[in-house]
């Protein structure tokens, strides 16, 4: 990654010298219309700052993992599942995702949902829900209506 002290913002929630990447490999996990950009990585801090963009009506993967992370919404509106709760989210909302907590993000139907995500630079791979996990999550009608898998 380029080590310039300032990475200039570009139109359309892009940054100078930052590649727009696929969210995950196709077929690796269920998701719809998500991209990612790695904005910052520092070994001395042990973290990465990434920008994700979920297109209108898109969604991230339903997953959990050992590492915690924090998400700050920059643009758009949508909803997220974090553990037992489904909540609406919008610009400048901060979402804390504890370790081993099921989570998923969805954009509303009219605009992209863009958010920053701070994570450990070295982290474990996400776990997808088993059929039993999914059945347990869907016991709650609000979660069942929200989940895309």
Protein backbone atom coordinates (compact mmCIF):
# COMPACT_ATOMS: atom_id res chain seq x y z
CA UNK A 1 0.00 0.00 0.00
CA UNK A 2 1.11 3.55 -0.75
CA UNK A 3 2.58 5.19 2.38
CA UNK A 4 1.72 8.80 1.60
CA UNK A 5 0.59 10.72 4.70
CA UNK A 6 -2.53 12.00 2.93
CA UNK A 7 -4.77 9.97 0.69
CA UNK A 8 -7.07 12.41 -1.11
CA UNK A 9 -10.78 11.73 -1.37
CA UNK A 10 -12.11 11.45 -4.90
CA UNK A 11 -15.70 11.78 -6.13
CA UNK A 12 -18.02 8.85 -5.50
CA UNK A 13 -16.50 7.63 -2.22
CA UNK A 14 -13.18 6.67 -3.76
CA UNK A 15 -9.65 7.55 -2.63
CA UNK A 16 -6.46 8.37 -4.48
CA UNK A 17 -4.34 5.26 -5.20
CA UNK A 18 -6.85 2.88 -3.57
CA UNK A 19 -8.16 0.00 -5.66
CA UNK A 20 -11.85 -0.93 -5.57
CA UNK A 21 -11.95 -4.66 -4.89
CA UNK A 22 -14.54 -7.38 -4.84
CA UNK A 23 -16.00 -7.87 -1.37
CA UNK A 24 -15.25 -11.61 -1.49
CA UNK A 25 -14.64 -14.19 -4.19
CA UNK A 26 -17.84 -15.08 -6.03
CA UNK A 27 -19.35 -18.21 -4.55
CA UNK A 28 -17.26 -17.99 -1.35
CA UNK A 29 -20.24 -16.81 0.69
CA UNK A 30 -23.70 -15.38 0.00
CA UNK A 31 -23.74 -11.61 -0.53
CA UNK A 32 -25.12 -9.16 -3.07
CA UNK A 33 -23.49 -6.12 -4.67
CA UNK A 34 -20.70 -5.22 -2.22
CA UNK A 35 -17.24 -3.71 -2.87
CA UNK A 36 -14.34 -2.95 -0.55
CA UNK A 37 -11.37 -0.60 -0.44
CA UNK A 38 -8.45 -0.94 1.97
CA UNK A 39 -7.73 2.67 2.93
CA UNK A 40 -5.11 2.20 5.64
CA UNK A 41 -2.98 -0.52 7.19
CA UNK A 42 -0.34 -0.03 9.86
CA UNK A 43 1.68 -2.86 11.34
CA UNK A 44 2.66 -0.70 14.32
CA UNK A 45 -1.04 -0.14 15.11
CA UNK A 46 -2.07 -3.67 14.16
CA UNK A 47 -5.17 -2.47 12.29
CA UNK A 48 -6.76 -1.88 8.92
CA UNK A 49 -9.31 0.74 7.94
CA UNK A 50 -11.54 -0.37 5.07
CA UNK A 51 -14.44 1.17 3.20
CA UNK A 52 -17.30 -1.09 2.11
CA UNK A 53 -20.11 -0.10 -0.19
CA UNK A 54 -23.32 -2.08 -0.43
CA UNK A 55 -25.41 -1.18 -3.50
CA UNK A 56 -29.11 -0.37 -3.10
CA UNK A 57 -30.91 -3.58 -2.08
CA UNK A 58 -27.55 -5.33 -1.59
CA UNK A 59 -26.31 -7.12 1.52
CA UNK A 60 -23.13 -8.38 3.14
CA UNK A 61 -22.56 -11.96 4.20
CA UNK A 62 -24.21 -13.26 7.37
CA UNK A 63 -21.15 -14.28 9.38
CA UNK A 64 -19.28 -14.27 12.68
CA UNK A 65 -15.62 -14.47 13.66
CA UNK A 66 -13.24 -14.29 16.59
CA UNK A 67 -12.22 -10.66 16.02
CA UNK A 68 -14.35 -7.69 16.99
CA UNK A 69 -14.71 -4.69 14.73
CA UNK A 70 -16.25 -1.25 14.54
CA UNK A 71 -18.26 0.19 11.66
CA UNK A 72 -19.03 3.86 10.99
CA UNK A 73 -21.68 4.59 8.39
CA UNK A 74 -20.61 7.36 5.98
CA UNK A 75 -23.43 7.36 3.44
CA UNK A 76 -26.86 5.93 2.81
CA UNK A 77 -29.32 4.12 4.99
CA UNK A 78 -29.99 0.51 5.72
CA UNK A 79 -30.17 -1.96 8.56
CA UNK A 80 -27.89 -4.33 10.35
CA UNK A 81 -28.20 -7.49 12.36
CA UNK A 82 -25.81 -7.62 15.30
CA UNK A 83 -26.42 -10.63 17.52
CA UNK A 84 -30.06 -10.68 18.53
CA UNK A 85 -30.99 -7.23 17.21
CA UNK A 86 -31.93 -5.79 13.84
CA UNK A 87 -31.61 -1.99 13.74
CA UNK A 88 -31.86 0.80 11.21
CA UNK A 89 -28.58 2.61 10.47
CA UNK A 90 -27.66 5.83 8.74
CA UNK A 91 -24.86 8.39 8.36
CA UNK A 92 -22.48 8.70 11.29
CA UNK A 93 -23.98 5.78 13.24
CA UNK A 94 -21.29 3.68 14.91
CA UNK A 95 -21.83 -0.07 15.13
CA UNK A 96 -19.75 -2.26 17.47
CA UNK A 97 -19.61 -5.92 16.52
CA UNK A 98 -18.27 -8.06 19.38
CA UNK A 99 -16.31 -11.26 18.77
CA UNK A 100 -18.34 -14.34 17.76
CA UNK A 101 -21.46 -12.26 17.05
CA UNK A 102 -23.61 -12.94 13.99
CA UNK A 103 -23.85 -9.83 11.83
CA UNK A 104 -25.06 -8.70 8.42
CA UNK A 105 -25.55 -5.31 6.73
CA UNK A 106 -28.22 -4.39 4.18
CA UNK A 107 -28.70 -1.25 2.12
CA UNK A 108 -32.18 0.15 1.68
CA UNK A 109 -33.78 -0.02 -1.73
CA UNK A 110 -32.95 3.48 -2.96
CA UNK A 111 -29.29 4.25 -2.25
CA UNK A 112 -25.93 2.64 -1.49
CA UNK A 113 -24.85 2.05 2.09
CA UNK A 114 -21.19 3.00 2.58
CA UNK A 115 -19.26 2.41 5.78
CA UNK A 116 -15.79 2.42 7.27
CA UNK A 117 -14.71 -0.73 9.08
CA UNK A 118 -11.81 -0.90 11.54
CA UNK A 119 -10.39 -4.40 12.13
CA UNK A 120 -7.25 -6.15 13.29
CA UNK A 121 -4.70 -6.42 10.49
CA UNK A 122 -4.29 -10.11 11.36
CA UNK A 123 -7.65 -11.74 11.85
CA UNK A 124 -9.42 -15.06 11.58
CA UNK A 125 -11.60 -16.09 8.66
CA UNK A 126 -15.37 -15.59 8.95
CA UNK A 127 -17.65 -18.49 9.81
CA UNK A 128 -20.90 -18.92 7.91
CA UNK A 129 -23.99 -20.17 9.73
CA UNK A 130 -24.81 -23.87 9.69
CA UNK A 131 -28.37 -24.96 8.96
CA UNK A 132 -28.88 -25.21 12.74
CA UNK A 133 -27.46 -21.71 13.34
CA UNK A 134 -29.71 -20.28 10.65
CA UNK A 135 -32.79 -22.02 12.07
CA UNK A 136 -32.00 -20.64 15.55
CA UNK A 137 -31.49 -17.10 14.20
CA UNK A 138 -34.74 -17.27 12.24
CA UNK A 139 -36.81 -18.21 15.29
CA UNK A 140 -37.27 -14.49 15.81
CA UNK A 141 -39.63 -13.12 13.09
CA UNK A 142 -37.77 -9.79 12.81
CA UNK A 143 -34.42 -11.54 12.27
CA UNK A 144 -36.02 -14.04 9.86
CA UNK A 145 -37.41 -11.19 7.73
CA UNK A 146 -34.03 -9.44 7.69
CA UNK A 147 -31.56 -12.27 6.96
CA UNK A 148 -30.36 -12.85 3.42
CA UNK A 149 -28.42 -16.06 2.89
